[in-house]
C-alpha atoms as a PDB file:
ATOM      1  CA  ALA A   1      -9.331 -75.802  69.199  1.00  0.00           C
ATOM      2  CA  PRO A   2      -8.810 -72.785  71.691  1.00  0.00           C
ATOM      3  CA  VAL A   3     -10.173 -69.456  70.879  1.00  0.00           C
ATOM      4  CA  LYS A   4      -7.454 -67.305  69.291  1.00  0.00           C
ATOM      5  CA  LYS A   5      -7.806 -63.675  70.392  1.00  0.00           C
ATOM      6  CA  ALA A   6      -6.668 -60.714  68.351  1.00  0.00           C
ATOM      7  CA  SER A   7      -3.115 -59.705  69.201  1.00  0.00           C
ATOM      8  CA  LYS A   8      -2.541 -56.184  70.591  1.00  0.00           C
ATOM      9  CA  GLY A   9       0.352 -55.104  68.382  1.00  0.00           C
ATOM     10  CA  TRP A  10       1.698 -51.830  66.918  1.00  0.00           C
ATOM     11  CA  GLY A  11      -0.398 -52.102  63.791  1.00  0.00           C
ATOM     12  CA  GLU A  12      -2.965 -49.612  62.453  1.00  0.00           C
ATOM     13  CA  THR A  13      -6.289 -49.188  64.219  1.00  0.00           C
ATOM     14  CA  TYR A  14      -9.529 -47.814  62.999  1.00  0.00           C
ATOM     15  CA  LEU A  15     -10.141 -44.240  64.035  1.00  0.00           C
ATOM     16  CA  LYS A  16     -13.420 -43.106  65.581  1.00  0.00           C
ATOM     17  CA  PRO A  17     -15.021 -39.979  64.014  1.00  0.00           C
ATOM     18  CA  SER A  18     -13.323 -37.436  66.215  1.00  0.00           C
ATOM     19  CA  LEU A  19      -9.921 -38.670  65.172  1.00  0.00           C
ATOM     20  CA  VAL A  20     -11.022 -38.917  61.555  1.00  0.00           C
ATOM     21  CA  GLU A  21     -11.930 -35.248  61.752  1.00  0.00           C
ATOM     22  CA  PHE A  22      -8.653 -34.372  63.365  1.00  0.00           C
ATOM     23  CA  THR A  23      -6.511 -36.277  60.837  1.00  0.00           C
ATOM     24  CA  GLY A  24      -8.303 -34.737  57.886  1.00  0.00           C
ATOM     25  CA  GLY A  25     -10.283 -37.774  56.826  1.00  0.00           C
ATOM     26  CA  LEU A  26      -7.916 -40.667  57.535  1.00  0.00           C
ATOM     27  CA  THR A  27      -9.810 -43.723  58.818  1.00  0.00           C
ATOM     28  CA  GLN A  28      -6.987 -45.873  60.116  1.00  0.00           C
ATOM     29  CA  MET A  29      -3.605 -45.045  61.546  1.00  0.00           C
ATOM     30  CA  LYS A  30      -0.987 -46.272  63.990  1.00  0.00           C
ATOM     31  CA  ARG A  31      -1.426 -44.838  67.413  1.00  0.00           C
ATOM     32  CA  SER A  32       2.188 -43.685  67.391  1.00  0.00           C
ATOM     33  CA  ASP A  33       1.481 -41.728  64.053  1.00  0.00           C
ATOM     34  CA  VAL A  34      -1.517 -40.038  65.614  1.00  0.00           C
ATOM     35  CA  VAL A  35       0.496 -38.899  68.579  1.00  0.00           C
ATOM     36  CA  LYS A  36       3.224 -37.636  66.156  1.00  0.00           C
ATOM     37  CA  MET A  37       0.514 -35.709  64.292  1.00  0.00           C
ATOM     38  CA  ILE A  38      -0.761 -34.100  67.467  1.00  0.00           C
ATOM     39  CA  TRP A  39       2.722 -33.096  68.530  1.00  0.00           C
ATOM     40  CA  ALA A  40       3.433 -31.563  65.130  1.00  0.00           C
ATOM     41  CA  HIS A  41       0.199 -29.529  65.584  1.00  0.00           C
ATOM     42  CA  VAL A  42       1.129 -28.477  69.150  1.00  0.00           C
ATOM     43  CA  LYS A  43       4.702 -27.369  68.036  1.00  0.00           C
ATOM     44  CA  ALA A  44       3.465 -25.655  64.802  1.00  0.00           C
ATOM     45  CA  ASN A  45       0.900 -23.591  66.827  1.00  0.00           C
ATOM     46  CA  ASP A  46       3.146 -23.065  69.894  1.00  0.00           C
ATOM     47  CA  LEU A  47       0.540 -24.770  72.236  1.00  0.00           C
ATOM     48  CA  GLN A  48       3.017 -25.815  75.006  1.00  0.00           C
ATOM     49  CA  ASP A  49       2.615 -23.838  78.232  1.00  0.00           C
ATOM     50  CA  PRO A  50       5.808 -21.742  78.429  1.00  0.00           C
ATOM     51  CA  LYS A  51       5.790 -21.966  82.250  1.00  0.00           C
ATOM     52  CA  ASP A  52       5.523 -25.847  82.248  1.00  0.00           C
ATOM     53  CA  LYS A  53       6.188 -27.494  78.842  1.00  0.00           C
ATOM     54  CA  ARG A  54       4.529 -30.665  80.087  1.00  0.00           C
ATOM     55  CA  HIS A  55       1.131 -28.968  79.591  1.00  0.00           C
ATOM     56  CA  ILE A  56      -0.502 -28.369  76.231  1.00  0.00           C
ATOM     57  CA  PHE A  57      -3.106 -25.660  75.611  1.00  0.00           C
ATOM     58  CA  VAL A  58      -6.192 -27.090  73.890  1.00  0.00           C
ATOM     59  CA  ASP A  59      -6.967 -25.058  70.809  1.00  0.00           C
ATOM     60  CA  ASP A  60     -10.109 -25.344  68.614  1.00  0.00           C
ATOM     61  CA  ARG A  61      -8.686 -28.234  66.624  1.00  0.00           C
ATOM     62  CA  LEU A  62      -7.598 -30.157  69.741  1.00  0.00           C
ATOM     63  CA  LYS A  63     -11.079 -29.551  71.369  1.00  0.00           C
ATOM     64  CA  ILE A  64     -12.313 -32.278  68.934  1.00  0.00           C
ATOM     65  CA  LEU A  65     -10.201 -34.782  70.918  1.00  0.00           C
ATOM     66  CA  PHE A  66     -10.246 -33.187  74.371  1.00  0.00           C
ATOM     67  CA  PRO A  67     -13.696 -31.576  74.832  1.00  0.00           C
ATOM     68  CA  GLY A  68     -14.224 -29.339  77.842  1.00  0.00           C
ATOM     69  CA  LYS A  69     -10.377 -28.952  78.598  1.00  0.00           C
ATOM     70  CA  LYS A  70      -8.428 -25.825  78.378  1.00  0.00           C
ATOM     71  CA  ARG A  71      -5.136 -27.637  78.777  1.00  0.00           C
ATOM     72  CA  ILE A  72      -3.959 -31.239  79.089  1.00  0.00           C
ATOM     73  CA  HIS A  73      -0.863 -32.866  80.590  1.00  0.00           C
ATOM     74  CA  MET A  74       1.374 -34.568  78.068  1.00  0.00           C
ATOM     75  CA  PHE A  75       1.312 -37.861  79.873  1.00  0.00           C
ATOM     76  CA  SER A  76      -2.461 -37.969  80.413  1.00  0.00           C
ATOM     77  CA  MET A  77      -2.936 -37.120  76.748  1.00  0.00           C
ATOM     78  CA  ASN A  78      -2.374 -40.747  75.700  1.00  0.00           C
ATOM     79  CA  LYS A  79      -4.945 -41.999  78.193  1.00  0.00           C
ATOM     80  CA  ASP A  80      -7.509 -39.382  76.946  1.00  0.00           C
ATOM     81  CA  LEU A  81      -6.741 -40.525  73.323  1.00  0.00           C
ATOM     82  CA  SER A  82      -7.569 -44.161  73.952  1.00  0.00           C
ATOM     83  CA  LYS A  83     -11.414 -43.692  73.615  1.00  0.00           C
ATOM     84  CA  HIS A  84     -10.817 -42.262  69.961  1.00  0.00           C
ATOM     85  CA  PHE A  85      -9.383 -45.512  68.733  1.00  0.00           C
ATOM     86  CA  GLY A  86     -11.472 -48.438  67.422  1.00  0.00           C
ATOM     87  CA  GLU A  87     -10.424 -52.062  66.662  1.00  0.00           C
ATOM     88  CA  ARG A  88      -7.066 -52.883  65.344  1.00  0.00           C
ATOM     89  CA  VAL A  89      -7.063 -53.218  61.518  1.00  0.00           C
ATOM     90  CA  GLY A  90      -7.184 -56.915  60.535  1.00  0.00           C
ATOM     91  CA  SER A  91      -8.100 -58.163  64.117  1.00  0.00           C
ATOM     92  CA  VAL A  92     -10.144 -61.369  63.946  1.00  0.00           C
ATOM     93  CA  VAL A  93     -11.417 -63.619  66.719  1.00  0.00           C
ATOM     94  CA  TYR A  94     -11.476 -67.273  65.757  1.00  0.00           C
ATOM     95  CA  ASP A  95     -14.113 -69.354  67.366  1.00  0.00           C
ATOM     96  CA  GLU A  96     -13.912 -73.144  67.989  1.00  0.00           C
ATOM     97  CA  PRO A  97     -15.320 -75.123  65.012  1.00  0.00           C
ATOM     98  CA  ALA A  98     -18.745 -76.602  65.456  1.00  0.00           C
ATOM     99  CA  GLU A  99     -18.619 -80.333  66.527  1.00  0.00           C
ATOM    100  CA  ASP A 100     -20.309 -81.762  63.451  1.00  0.00           C
ATOM    101  CA  ASP A 101     -17.692 -79.932  61.212  1.00  0.00           C
ATOM    102  CA  GLU A 102     -14.778 -81.953  62.727  1.00  0.00           C
ATOM    103  CA  GLU A 103     -15.614 -85.538  61.947  1.00  0.00           C
ATOM    104  CA  GLU A 104     -18.410 -85.356  59.369  1.00  0.00           C
ATOM    105  CA  GLU A 105     -16.398 -87.050  56.622  1.00  0.00           C
ATOM    106  CA  SER A 106     -14.694 -89.773  58.631  1.00  0.00           C
ATOM    107  CA  GLY A 107     -16.435 -92.587  56.760  1.00  0.00           C
ATOM    108  CA  GLY A 108     -17.090 -94.706  59.810  1.00  0.00           C
ATOM    109  CA  GLY A 109     -13.564 -95.678  60.617  1.00  0.00           C
ATOM    110  CA  GLY A 110     -14.509 -99.037  62.249  1.00  0.00           C
ATOM    111  CA  THR A 111     -12.894-102.409  61.737  1.00  0.00           C
ATOM    112  CA  GLU A 112     -14.646-105.177  59.887  1.00  0.00           C
END
Protein backbone atom coordinates (compact mmCIF):
# COMPACT_ATOMS: atom_id res chain seq x y z
CA ALA A 1 0.00 0.00 0.00
CA PRO A 2 1.34 3.47 -0.82
CA VAL A 3 2.18 5.93 1.91
CA LYS A 4 -0.70 8.33 2.47
CA LYS A 5 0.54 11.80 3.36
CA ALA A 6 -1.38 14.31 5.41
CA SER A 7 -3.42 16.63 3.24
CA LYS A 8 -2.75 20.33 3.36
CA GLY A 9 -6.24 21.65 3.85
CA TRP A 10 -7.89 24.61 5.45
CA GLY A 11 -8.35 22.91 8.81
CA GLU A 12 -6.97 23.95 12.15
CA THR A 13 -3.28 23.75 12.91
CA TYR A 14 -1.46 23.57 16.20
CA LEU A 15 -0.03 26.91 17.23
CA LYS A 16 3.55 27.35 18.39
CA PRO A 17 4.13 29.17 21.72
CA SER A 18 4.42 32.65 20.20
CA LEU A 19 0.97 32.35 18.59
CA VAL A 20 -0.50 30.75 21.73
CA GLU A 21 0.65 33.87 23.60
CA PHE A 22 -0.74 36.22 20.94
CA THR A 23 -4.13 34.46 20.83
CA GLY A 24 -4.49 34.48 24.59
CA GLY A 25 -3.89 30.77 25.17
CA LEU A 26 -5.55 29.11 22.18
CA THR A 27 -3.51 26.09 21.06
CA GLN A 28 -5.10 25.42 17.68
CA MET A 29 -6.77 27.63 15.10
CA LYS A 30 -7.30 27.98 11.39
CA ARG A 31 -4.64 30.12 9.74
CA SER A 32 -7.34 32.40 8.31
CA ASP A 33 -8.75 32.99 11.80
CA VAL A 34 -5.29 33.93 13.11
CA VAL A 35 -4.91 36.45 10.28
CA LYS A 36 -8.38 37.86 11.07
CA MET A 37 -7.34 38.19 14.73
CA ILE A 38 -4.16 40.05 13.74
CA TRP A 39 -6.11 42.40 11.46
CA ALA A 40 -8.67 43.08 14.21
CA HIS A 41 -5.75 44.03 16.50
CA VAL A 42 -4.20 46.22 13.79
CA LYS A 43 -7.46 48.08 13.14
CA ALA A 44 -8.41 48.41 16.83
CA ASN A 45 -5.02 49.94 17.61
CA ASP A 46 -4.67 52.03 14.43
CA LEU A 47 -1.42 50.31 13.42
CA GLN A 48 -1.62 50.85 9.65
CA ASP A 49 0.86 53.40 8.32
CA PRO A 50 -1.28 56.40 7.28
CA LYS A 51 1.17 57.17 4.44
CA ASP A 52 1.04 53.61 3.07
CA LYS A 53 -1.76 51.42 4.39
CA ARG A 54 0.02 48.30 3.13
CA HIS A 55 2.47 48.67 6.02
CA ILE A 56 1.64 47.76 9.60
CA PHE A 57 3.44 49.19 12.62
CA VAL A 58 4.60 46.44 15.00
CA ASP A 59 3.48 47.22 18.55
CA ASP A 60 4.44 45.32 21.72
CA ARG A 61 1.83 42.61 21.13
CA LEU A 62 2.87 42.06 17.49
CA LYS A 63 6.56 41.90 18.50
CA ILE A 64 5.77 38.41 19.79
CA LEU A 65 5.22 37.35 16.18
CA PHE A 66 7.55 39.73 14.36
CA PRO A 67 10.57 40.25 16.63
CA GLY A 68 13.10 42.87 15.61
CA LYS A 69 10.75 44.59 13.15
CA LYS A 70 9.28 48.06 13.52
CA ARG A 71 6.83 47.60 10.68
CA ILE A 72 5.84 44.85 8.28
CA HIS A 73 4.30 44.75 4.82
CA MET A 74 0.81 43.24 4.78
CA PHE A 75 1.79 40.74 2.07
CA SER A 76 4.97 39.52 3.74
CA MET A 77 3.07 39.13 7.03
CA ASN A 78 1.68 35.75 5.94
CA LYS A 79 5.15 34.49 5.04
CA ASP A 80 6.51 35.61 8.41
CA LEU A 81 3.59 33.93 10.18
CA SER A 82 4.34 30.50 8.70
CA LYS A 83 7.02 29.68 11.26
CA HIS A 84 4.49 30.12 14.09
CA PHE A 85 2.25 27.26 12.92
CA GLY A 86 2.79 23.60 13.77
CA GLU A 87 1.24 20.48 12.26
CA ARG A 88 -2.33 20.42 10.99
CA VAL A 89 -4.73 19.09 13.62
CA GLY A 90 -5.52 15.44 12.90
CA SER A 91 -2.75 14.99 10.35
CA VAL A 92 -1.55 11.40 10.19
CA VAL A 93 1.00 9.70 7.99
CA TYR A 94 0.12 6.10 7.19
CA ASP A 95 3.03 3.74 6.61
CA GLU A 96 3.01 0.58 4.54
CA PRO A 97 1.99 -2.48 6.59
CA ALA A 98 4.74 -4.88 7.58
CA GLU A 99 5.04 -7.83 5.18
CA ASP A 100 4.28 -10.50 7.78
CA ASP A 101 1.03 -8.68 8.70
CA GLU A 102 -0.43 -9.07 5.19
CA GLU A 103 -0.64 -12.85 4.72
CA GLU A 104 -0.06 -14.27 8.17
CA GLU A 105 -3.49 -15.91 8.38
CA SER A 106 -3.80 -17.26 4.85
CA GLY A 107 -3.85 -20.92 6.01
CA GLY A 108 -1.52 -22.24 3.33
CA GLY A 109 -3.89 -21.79 0.40
CA GLY A 110 -2.35 -24.66 -1.65
CA THR A 111 -4.25 -27.34 -3.60
CA GLU A 112 -4.28 -30.93 -2.44
